[in-house]
Structures are given as C-alpha cells and as structure tokens.
C-alpha cells in the first residue's frame, strides 16, 4: 500500500463534504445522532473549518484514488493535536488505510500529543486506536441510548 496525504483546499470542499456524508451515513442511521454526526453537517461547516488556520484536511490517497479523508487540528503551539474526523469510504475499509493515514499524519505533524474521540460501541474503531498507541482518557459523553462518545489520547 502506497498511501499519501494530499492537502485539501477550498476548491475540493464540496467533494470532501459529499465523501464525508456518504462515509458517515451508515453510522448516522445506526445511532441516529443527528446533532453531532459528520453525515449531518452542512457544507458550510466544512467551508468554515477549511478557513481555520489551525485545521488541515487531507484526502487519504492510494495512487490517484481518494479512499477517505482526515482532519487534523494543530494549533502549532506545542499543545495537543486532534484528529476530528477520520473516515475511509466503505469499499476501502478493513485494508489498513486508516492506520496508514494516522502514521502519515504523525510524520507531518509530529508523533506526540494527540487526541481523538470515537464511538464506544464501534469496537473496530476502538481496537484500531488502541493498536496505534492511544489510551482511553475516561471521558464519556452519552449521546443517546445507542451511542456513547469516548476520548482517547496518545
């Protein structure tokens, strides 16, 4: 696998948004988390984030194919960096792309001091992050009777 992170500019905003909506739609249907799901975010929210000087969005590229995307929040002040969100399109899941993208993000932004949140009930996500060296922070936010968001740090 030859994975590369390609920085996303405003010209790719709508493409990124469409991919995000598609990638998270299954989770939205499963958990019905309409207030916080990336699948339910308006295009304007992606535009707003792309304008933030501390936000970097990247397409996760396998050759010429965008297999997903990752957003890094990095204030560049030595403080904690955040992954929020990362997603892989359904047809590419389970092939190591998320892990490779996280390694590439650490190469670009530094290997120390990371944080992210995930869905407690998504055991595969939890396993991936723990395999990547993340530890649960103990923070939990119950969204509804189906879904709890938990925090991780590295």
N, C-alpha and C. Protein backbone atom coordinates (compact mmCIF):
# COMPACT_ATOMS: atom_id res chain seq x y z
N UNK A 1 0.84 -1.18 0.00
CA UNK A 1 0.00 0.00 0.00
C UNK A 1 0.89 1.24 0.00
N UNK A 2 0.59 2.13 -0.93
CA UNK A 2 1.35 3.37 -1.04
C UNK A 2 0.42 4.54 -0.77
N UNK A 3 0.33 4.89 0.48
CA UNK A 3 -0.63 5.89 0.96
C UNK A 3 0.03 7.27 1.04
N UNK A 4 -0.72 8.27 0.66
CA UNK A 4 -0.22 9.64 0.73
C UNK A 4 -1.35 10.54 1.21
N UNK A 5 -1.01 11.54 2.01
CA UNK A 5 -2.00 12.54 2.42
C UNK A 5 -1.85 13.74 1.50
N UNK A 6 -2.97 14.13 0.87
CA UNK A 6 -2.98 15.26 -0.06
C UNK A 6 -3.83 16.37 0.55
N UNK A 7 -3.21 17.50 0.80
CA UNK A 7 -3.88 18.64 1.43
C UNK A 7 -5.09 19.07 0.61
N UNK A 8 -6.19 19.34 1.29
CA UNK A 8 -7.43 19.73 0.65
C UNK A 8 -7.58 21.25 0.75
N UNK A 9 -7.86 21.86 -0.38
CA UNK A 9 -8.13 23.28 -0.42
C UNK A 9 -9.61 23.55 -0.62
N UNK A 10 -9.98 24.81 -0.61
CA UNK A 10 -11.38 25.21 -0.73
C UNK A 10 -12.00 24.69 -2.03
N UNK A 11 -11.20 24.52 -3.08
CA UNK A 11 -11.73 24.04 -4.36
C UNK A 11 -12.26 22.61 -4.27
N UNK A 12 -11.83 21.86 -3.26
CA UNK A 12 -12.29 20.48 -3.09
C UNK A 12 -13.29 20.33 -1.94
N UNK A 13 -13.79 21.45 -1.45
CA UNK A 13 -14.69 21.44 -0.29
C UNK A 13 -15.93 20.58 -0.52
N UNK A 14 -16.60 20.78 -1.65
CA UNK A 14 -17.84 20.04 -1.90
C UNK A 14 -17.57 18.54 -2.07
N UNK A 15 -16.47 18.19 -2.72
CA UNK A 15 -16.10 16.77 -2.86
C UNK A 15 -15.86 16.15 -1.48
N UNK A 16 -15.13 16.85 -0.63
CA UNK A 16 -14.87 16.37 0.72
C UNK A 16 -16.18 16.18 1.48
N UNK A 17 -17.06 17.18 1.41
CA UNK A 17 -18.34 17.12 2.11
C UNK A 17 -19.17 15.91 1.65
N UNK A 18 -19.25 15.70 0.33
CA UNK A 18 -20.02 14.58 -0.21
C UNK A 18 -19.44 13.24 0.27
N UNK A 19 -18.11 13.13 0.28
CA UNK A 19 -17.48 11.91 0.77
C UNK A 19 -17.79 11.70 2.25
N UNK A 20 -17.70 12.76 3.04
CA UNK A 20 -17.96 12.66 4.47
C UNK A 20 -19.40 12.22 4.74
N UNK A 21 -20.35 12.82 4.05
CA UNK A 21 -21.76 12.46 4.22
C UNK A 21 -21.96 10.97 3.89
N UNK A 22 -21.39 10.53 2.79
CA UNK A 22 -21.52 9.12 2.39
C UNK A 22 -20.85 8.19 3.41
N UNK A 23 -19.64 8.55 3.83
CA UNK A 23 -18.88 7.68 4.74
C UNK A 23 -19.55 7.52 6.10
N UNK A 24 -20.21 8.57 6.59
CA UNK A 24 -20.81 8.51 7.92
C UNK A 24 -22.31 8.20 7.91
N UNK A 25 -22.92 8.06 6.73
CA UNK A 25 -24.37 7.87 6.67
C UNK A 25 -24.83 6.58 7.35
N UNK A 26 -24.05 5.52 7.23
CA UNK A 26 -24.41 4.25 7.88
C UNK A 26 -24.42 4.40 9.40
N UNK A 27 -23.44 5.12 9.95
CA UNK A 27 -23.40 5.34 11.40
C UNK A 27 -24.54 6.25 11.84
N UNK A 28 -24.87 7.25 11.04
CA UNK A 28 -25.99 8.13 11.36
C UNK A 28 -27.29 7.31 11.45
N UNK A 29 -27.48 6.43 10.50
CA UNK A 29 -28.68 5.60 10.50
C UNK A 29 -28.69 4.66 11.72
N UNK A 30 -27.53 4.11 12.03
CA UNK A 30 -27.42 3.15 13.15
C UNK A 30 -27.65 3.81 14.50
N UNK A 31 -27.03 4.98 14.71
CA UNK A 31 -27.06 5.62 16.03
C UNK A 31 -28.03 6.79 16.14
N UNK A 32 -28.50 7.29 15.01
CA UNK A 32 -29.45 8.41 14.97
C UNK A 32 -28.97 9.61 15.79
N UNK A 33 -27.70 9.93 15.62
CA UNK A 33 -27.05 11.05 16.32
C UNK A 33 -27.08 12.30 15.44
N UNK A 34 -28.28 12.76 15.16
CA UNK A 34 -28.48 13.82 14.18
C UNK A 34 -27.80 15.14 14.53
N UNK A 35 -27.58 15.40 15.81
CA UNK A 35 -26.96 16.67 16.21
C UNK A 35 -25.46 16.70 16.04
N UNK A 36 -24.79 15.54 16.08
CA UNK A 36 -23.33 15.55 16.05
C UNK A 36 -22.71 14.77 14.90
N UNK A 37 -23.48 14.02 14.16
CA UNK A 37 -22.92 13.18 13.11
C UNK A 37 -22.30 13.99 11.98
N UNK A 38 -21.08 13.62 11.55
CA UNK A 38 -20.49 14.27 10.38
C UNK A 38 -21.35 14.09 9.12
N UNK A 39 -22.19 13.06 9.09
CA UNK A 39 -23.07 12.84 7.93
C UNK A 39 -24.16 13.90 7.86
N UNK A 40 -24.39 14.58 8.95
CA UNK A 40 -25.48 15.56 9.02
C UNK A 40 -24.97 17.01 9.00
N UNK A 41 -23.66 17.18 8.86
CA UNK A 41 -23.10 18.53 8.83
C UNK A 41 -23.39 19.22 7.50
N UNK A 42 -23.69 20.50 7.53
CA UNK A 42 -23.88 21.23 6.27
C UNK A 42 -22.54 21.52 5.60
N UNK A 43 -22.58 21.74 4.31
CA UNK A 43 -21.39 22.11 3.55
C UNK A 43 -20.70 23.33 4.16
N UNK A 44 -21.48 24.26 4.67
CA UNK A 44 -20.92 25.49 5.24
C UNK A 44 -19.99 25.20 6.42
N UNK A 45 -20.23 24.11 7.15
CA UNK A 45 -19.37 23.76 8.30
C UNK A 45 -17.99 23.32 7.81
N UNK A 46 -17.95 22.59 6.72
CA UNK A 46 -16.66 22.18 6.13
C UNK A 46 -15.93 23.41 5.62
N UNK A 47 -16.65 24.30 4.94
CA UNK A 47 -16.05 25.55 4.45
C UNK A 47 -15.44 26.34 5.60
N UNK A 48 -16.19 26.44 6.68
CA UNK A 48 -15.73 27.18 7.87
C UNK A 48 -14.43 26.57 8.40
N UNK A 49 -14.39 25.25 8.50
CA UNK A 49 -13.18 24.58 9.02
C UNK A 49 -11.99 24.73 8.08
N UNK A 50 -12.25 24.67 6.77
CA UNK A 50 -11.15 24.83 5.81
C UNK A 50 -10.51 26.22 5.93
N UNK A 51 -11.27 27.19 6.40
CA UNK A 51 -10.73 28.55 6.57
C UNK A 51 -9.94 28.71 7.87
N UNK A 52 -10.08 27.76 8.79
CA UNK A 52 -9.38 27.87 10.07
C UNK A 52 -7.87 27.68 9.86
N UNK A 53 -7.04 28.57 10.38
CA UNK A 53 -5.60 28.44 10.17
C UNK A 53 -5.00 27.22 10.88
N UNK A 54 -5.71 26.68 11.86
CA UNK A 54 -5.20 25.54 12.63
C UNK A 54 -5.77 24.21 12.16
N UNK A 55 -6.56 24.21 11.09
CA UNK A 55 -7.15 22.98 10.55
C UNK A 55 -6.47 22.60 9.24
N UNK A 56 -6.12 21.33 9.13
CA UNK A 56 -5.60 20.76 7.89
C UNK A 56 -6.47 19.56 7.54
N UNK A 57 -7.13 19.62 6.40
CA UNK A 57 -7.86 18.47 5.87
C UNK A 57 -6.97 17.83 4.80
N UNK A 58 -6.96 16.51 4.77
CA UNK A 58 -6.21 15.78 3.76
C UNK A 58 -7.09 14.68 3.17
N UNK A 59 -6.99 14.50 1.85
CA UNK A 59 -7.52 13.28 1.26
C UNK A 59 -6.50 12.18 1.55
N UNK A 60 -6.98 11.01 1.87
CA UNK A 60 -6.14 9.83 2.03
C UNK A 60 -6.09 9.18 0.65
N UNK A 61 -4.95 9.28 0.02
CA UNK A 61 -4.80 8.86 -1.37
C UNK A 61 -4.07 7.52 -1.48
N UNK A 62 -4.62 6.64 -2.32
CA UNK A 62 -3.94 5.42 -2.74
C UNK A 62 -3.77 5.59 -4.24
N UNK A 63 -2.60 6.03 -4.63
CA UNK A 63 -2.37 6.39 -6.02
C UNK A 63 -3.23 7.59 -6.37
N UNK A 64 -4.09 7.45 -7.37
CA UNK A 64 -4.96 8.55 -7.80
C UNK A 64 -6.33 8.51 -7.13
N UNK A 65 -6.58 7.49 -6.29
CA UNK A 65 -7.89 7.32 -5.65
C UNK A 65 -7.91 7.92 -4.26
N UNK A 66 -8.91 8.76 -4.00
CA UNK A 66 -9.15 9.25 -2.63
C UNK A 66 -9.99 8.19 -1.93
N UNK A 67 -9.39 7.50 -0.96
CA UNK A 67 -10.08 6.42 -0.25
C UNK A 67 -10.73 6.90 1.04
N UNK A 68 -10.46 8.14 1.42
CA UNK A 68 -11.01 8.71 2.64
C UNK A 68 -10.41 10.08 2.88
N UNK A 69 -10.58 10.55 4.11
CA UNK A 69 -10.04 11.86 4.47
C UNK A 69 -9.78 11.91 5.97
N UNK A 70 -8.93 12.86 6.36
CA UNK A 70 -8.61 13.07 7.77
C UNK A 70 -8.49 14.57 8.00
N UNK A 71 -8.99 15.02 9.14
CA UNK A 71 -8.83 16.41 9.55
C UNK A 71 -7.93 16.44 10.77
N UNK A 72 -6.92 17.28 10.72
CA UNK A 72 -6.00 17.48 11.84
C UNK A 72 -6.20 18.90 12.35
N UNK A 73 -6.42 19.03 13.64
CA UNK A 73 -6.46 20.33 14.30
C UNK A 73 -5.13 20.47 15.03
N UNK A 74 -4.32 21.41 14.59
CA UNK A 74 -2.97 21.60 15.12
C UNK A 74 -2.72 23.09 15.30
N UNK A 75 -2.75 23.53 16.55
CA UNK A 75 -2.54 24.95 16.85
C UNK A 75 -1.09 25.36 16.64
N UNK A 76 -0.21 24.38 16.48
CA UNK A 76 1.23 24.62 16.29
C UNK A 76 1.83 25.40 17.46
N UNK A 77 1.32 25.12 18.65
CA UNK A 77 1.80 25.78 19.85
C UNK A 77 2.41 24.78 20.84
N UNK A 78 2.65 23.57 20.35
CA UNK A 78 3.18 22.52 21.22
C UNK A 78 2.09 21.79 21.99
N UNK A 79 0.86 22.27 21.88
CA UNK A 79 -0.25 21.64 22.58
C UNK A 79 -0.76 20.41 21.85
N UNK A 80 -1.81 19.87 22.38
CA UNK A 80 -2.39 18.65 21.84
C UNK A 80 -2.97 18.85 20.44
N UNK A 81 -2.68 17.90 19.57
CA UNK A 81 -3.25 17.88 18.22
C UNK A 81 -4.45 16.93 18.25
N UNK A 82 -5.41 17.16 17.36
CA UNK A 82 -6.65 16.37 17.37
C UNK A 82 -6.97 15.86 15.98
N UNK A 83 -7.40 14.61 15.91
CA UNK A 83 -7.96 14.02 14.70
C UNK A 83 -9.47 14.11 14.83
N UNK A 84 -10.11 14.82 13.90
CA UNK A 84 -11.56 15.02 14.02
C UNK A 84 -12.15 15.55 12.72
N UNK A 85 -12.66 14.71 11.85
CA UNK A 85 -12.74 13.26 11.91
C UNK A 85 -11.69 12.60 11.02
N UNK A 86 -11.71 11.29 11.02
CA UNK A 86 -11.03 10.47 10.01
C UNK A 86 -12.08 9.51 9.48
N UNK A 87 -12.07 9.30 8.17
CA UNK A 87 -13.01 8.32 7.61
C UNK A 87 -12.42 7.67 6.37
N UNK A 88 -12.84 6.44 6.16
CA UNK A 88 -12.49 5.66 4.99
C UNK A 88 -13.80 5.29 4.30
N UNK A 89 -13.83 5.44 2.99
CA UNK A 89 -15.04 5.08 2.24
C UNK A 89 -15.29 3.58 2.38
N UNK A 90 -16.57 3.19 2.38
CA UNK A 90 -16.98 1.82 2.71
C UNK A 90 -16.21 0.75 1.93
N UNK A 91 -16.02 0.96 0.64
CA UNK A 91 -15.38 -0.08 -0.17
C UNK A 91 -13.90 -0.28 0.12
N UNK A 92 -13.30 0.63 0.89
CA UNK A 92 -11.86 0.54 1.19
C UNK A 92 -11.58 0.19 2.66
N UNK A 93 -12.61 0.00 3.45
CA UNK A 93 -12.41 -0.27 4.88
C UNK A 93 -11.83 -1.66 5.12
N UNK A 94 -11.10 -1.77 6.22
CA UNK A 94 -10.53 -3.05 6.61
C UNK A 94 -9.26 -3.40 5.86
N UNK A 95 -8.67 -2.44 5.19
CA UNK A 95 -7.48 -2.70 4.39
C UNK A 95 -6.24 -1.98 4.92
N UNK A 96 -6.36 -1.32 6.08
CA UNK A 96 -5.21 -0.66 6.69
C UNK A 96 -5.04 0.81 6.33
N UNK A 97 -5.99 1.38 5.60
CA UNK A 97 -5.85 2.78 5.19
C UNK A 97 -5.88 3.75 6.36
N UNK A 98 -6.76 3.53 7.32
CA UNK A 98 -6.85 4.46 8.46
C UNK A 98 -5.55 4.45 9.25
N UNK A 99 -5.03 3.28 9.51
CA UNK A 99 -3.76 3.16 10.25
C UNK A 99 -2.63 3.86 9.48
N UNK A 100 -2.55 3.62 8.19
CA UNK A 100 -1.51 4.26 7.37
C UNK A 100 -1.67 5.78 7.37
N UNK A 101 -2.91 6.26 7.32
CA UNK A 101 -3.17 7.70 7.32
C UNK A 101 -2.75 8.32 8.65
N UNK A 102 -3.02 7.63 9.75
CA UNK A 102 -2.63 8.15 11.06
C UNK A 102 -1.11 8.22 11.19
N UNK A 103 -0.42 7.24 10.67
CA UNK A 103 1.05 7.25 10.69
C UNK A 103 1.56 8.42 9.84
N UNK A 104 0.97 8.61 8.66
CA UNK A 104 1.37 9.72 7.79
C UNK A 104 1.09 11.07 8.46
N UNK A 105 -0.03 11.18 9.18
CA UNK A 105 -0.36 12.43 9.88
C UNK A 105 0.68 12.71 10.97
N UNK A 106 1.12 11.66 11.66
CA UNK A 106 2.15 11.84 12.69
C UNK A 106 3.48 12.27 12.06
N UNK A 107 3.78 11.77 10.88
CA UNK A 107 5.00 12.19 10.19
C UNK A 107 4.94 13.67 9.83
N UNK A 108 3.75 14.15 9.46
CA UNK A 108 3.59 15.56 9.09
C UNK A 108 3.49 16.50 10.29
N UNK A 109 2.84 16.05 11.35
CA UNK A 109 2.51 16.94 12.46
C UNK A 109 3.19 16.57 13.79
N UNK A 110 4.02 15.52 13.77
CA UNK A 110 4.70 15.10 14.99
C UNK A 110 4.00 13.91 15.64
N UNK A 111 4.78 13.02 16.25
CA UNK A 111 4.25 11.76 16.77
C UNK A 111 3.67 11.87 18.18
N UNK A 112 3.89 13.00 18.85
CA UNK A 112 3.48 13.14 20.25
C UNK A 112 2.23 13.99 20.41
N UNK A 113 1.53 13.73 21.51
CA UNK A 113 0.48 14.64 21.99
C UNK A 113 -0.74 14.73 21.07
N UNK A 114 -1.42 13.60 20.89
CA UNK A 114 -2.60 13.52 20.03
C UNK A 114 -3.84 13.19 20.86
N UNK A 115 -4.99 13.57 20.33
CA UNK A 115 -6.28 13.23 20.95
C UNK A 115 -7.30 12.96 19.84
N UNK A 116 -8.31 12.18 20.19
CA UNK A 116 -9.43 11.93 19.29
C UNK A 116 -10.59 11.39 20.10
N UNK A 117 -11.75 11.40 19.51
CA UNK A 117 -12.95 10.81 20.11
C UNK A 117 -13.48 9.77 19.15
N UNK A 118 -14.17 8.78 19.71
CA UNK A 118 -14.82 7.78 18.87
C UNK A 118 -16.06 7.24 19.58
N UNK A 119 -16.77 6.40 18.87
CA UNK A 119 -17.98 5.79 19.39
C UNK A 119 -17.61 4.53 20.15
N UNK A 120 -17.94 4.48 21.43
CA UNK A 120 -17.64 3.33 22.28
C UNK A 120 -18.15 2.03 21.67
N UNK A 121 -19.32 2.07 21.07
CA UNK A 121 -19.95 0.87 20.54
C UNK A 121 -19.30 0.36 19.25
N UNK A 122 -18.44 1.16 18.63
CA UNK A 122 -17.73 0.75 17.42
C UNK A 122 -16.41 0.10 17.82
N UNK A 123 -16.46 -1.18 18.13
CA UNK A 123 -15.30 -1.91 18.68
C UNK A 123 -14.10 -1.89 17.73
N UNK A 124 -14.36 -1.93 16.42
CA UNK A 124 -13.26 -1.89 15.46
C UNK A 124 -12.48 -0.60 15.53
N UNK A 125 -13.18 0.52 15.69
CA UNK A 125 -12.51 1.81 15.84
C UNK A 125 -11.67 1.83 17.11
N UNK A 126 -12.26 1.40 18.21
CA UNK A 126 -11.54 1.37 19.49
C UNK A 126 -10.29 0.52 19.38
N UNK A 127 -10.41 -0.65 18.75
CA UNK A 127 -9.27 -1.55 18.57
C UNK A 127 -8.16 -0.87 17.76
N UNK A 128 -8.54 -0.22 16.67
CA UNK A 128 -7.55 0.47 15.83
C UNK A 128 -6.79 1.52 16.65
N UNK A 129 -7.51 2.37 17.35
CA UNK A 129 -6.85 3.44 18.08
C UNK A 129 -5.96 2.90 19.19
N UNK A 130 -6.41 1.87 19.88
CA UNK A 130 -5.59 1.27 20.93
C UNK A 130 -4.35 0.61 20.33
N UNK A 131 -4.49 -0.02 19.17
CA UNK A 131 -3.34 -0.62 18.47
C UNK A 131 -2.33 0.46 18.07
N UNK A 132 -2.84 1.67 17.78
CA UNK A 132 -1.98 2.78 17.37
C UNK A 132 -1.35 3.50 18.57
N UNK A 133 -1.59 3.00 19.78
CA UNK A 133 -0.96 3.57 20.96
C UNK A 133 -1.81 4.56 21.73
N UNK A 134 -3.07 4.73 21.35
CA UNK A 134 -3.96 5.63 22.07
C UNK A 134 -4.51 4.94 23.32
N UNK A 135 -4.72 5.73 24.36
CA UNK A 135 -5.28 5.23 25.63
C UNK A 135 -6.56 6.00 25.93
N UNK A 136 -7.52 5.31 26.49
CA UNK A 136 -8.79 5.97 26.87
C UNK A 136 -8.53 7.00 27.95
N UNK A 137 -9.17 8.14 27.83
CA UNK A 137 -8.99 9.22 28.81
C UNK A 137 -9.95 9.08 29.99
N UNK A 138 -11.00 8.30 29.80
CA UNK A 138 -12.03 8.20 30.83
C UNK A 138 -13.19 9.14 30.57
N UNK A 139 -13.01 10.06 29.61
CA UNK A 139 -14.10 10.97 29.24
C UNK A 139 -15.15 10.18 28.46
N UNK A 140 -16.39 10.36 28.86
CA UNK A 140 -17.50 9.72 28.14
C UNK A 140 -18.64 10.72 28.02
N UNK A 141 -19.28 10.71 26.87
CA UNK A 141 -20.44 11.56 26.65
C UNK A 141 -21.54 10.68 26.05
N UNK A 142 -22.58 10.46 26.82
CA UNK A 142 -23.71 9.68 26.33
C UNK A 142 -24.53 10.56 25.40
N UNK A 143 -24.64 10.13 24.15
CA UNK A 143 -25.37 10.89 23.14
C UNK A 143 -26.84 10.50 23.15
N UNK A 144 -27.08 9.21 23.20
CA UNK A 144 -28.43 8.67 23.30
C UNK A 144 -28.32 7.23 23.81
N UNK A 145 -29.42 6.52 23.87
CA UNK A 145 -29.39 5.17 24.45
C UNK A 145 -28.59 4.18 23.60
N UNK A 146 -28.24 4.55 22.37
CA UNK A 146 -27.48 3.67 21.49
C UNK A 146 -26.00 4.01 21.42
N UNK A 147 -25.64 5.22 21.82
CA UNK A 147 -24.31 5.73 21.47
C UNK A 147 -23.66 6.53 22.59
N UNK A 148 -22.39 6.21 22.85
CA UNK A 148 -21.55 6.95 23.79
C UNK A 148 -20.25 7.32 23.09
N UNK A 149 -19.83 8.58 23.21
CA UNK A 149 -18.57 9.05 22.66
C UNK A 149 -17.51 8.97 23.78
N UNK A 150 -16.35 8.40 23.42
CA UNK A 150 -15.26 8.31 24.41
C UNK A 150 -14.01 8.99 23.87
N UNK A 151 -13.17 9.46 24.78
CA UNK A 151 -11.95 10.16 24.41
C UNK A 151 -10.74 9.26 24.47
N UNK A 152 -9.79 9.56 23.59
CA UNK A 152 -8.50 8.87 23.56
C UNK A 152 -7.38 9.90 23.46
N UNK A 153 -6.22 9.55 24.02
CA UNK A 153 -5.01 10.37 23.91
C UNK A 153 -3.80 9.49 23.61
N UNK A 154 -2.82 10.13 23.03
CA UNK A 154 -1.54 9.45 22.76
C UNK A 154 -0.42 10.43 23.04
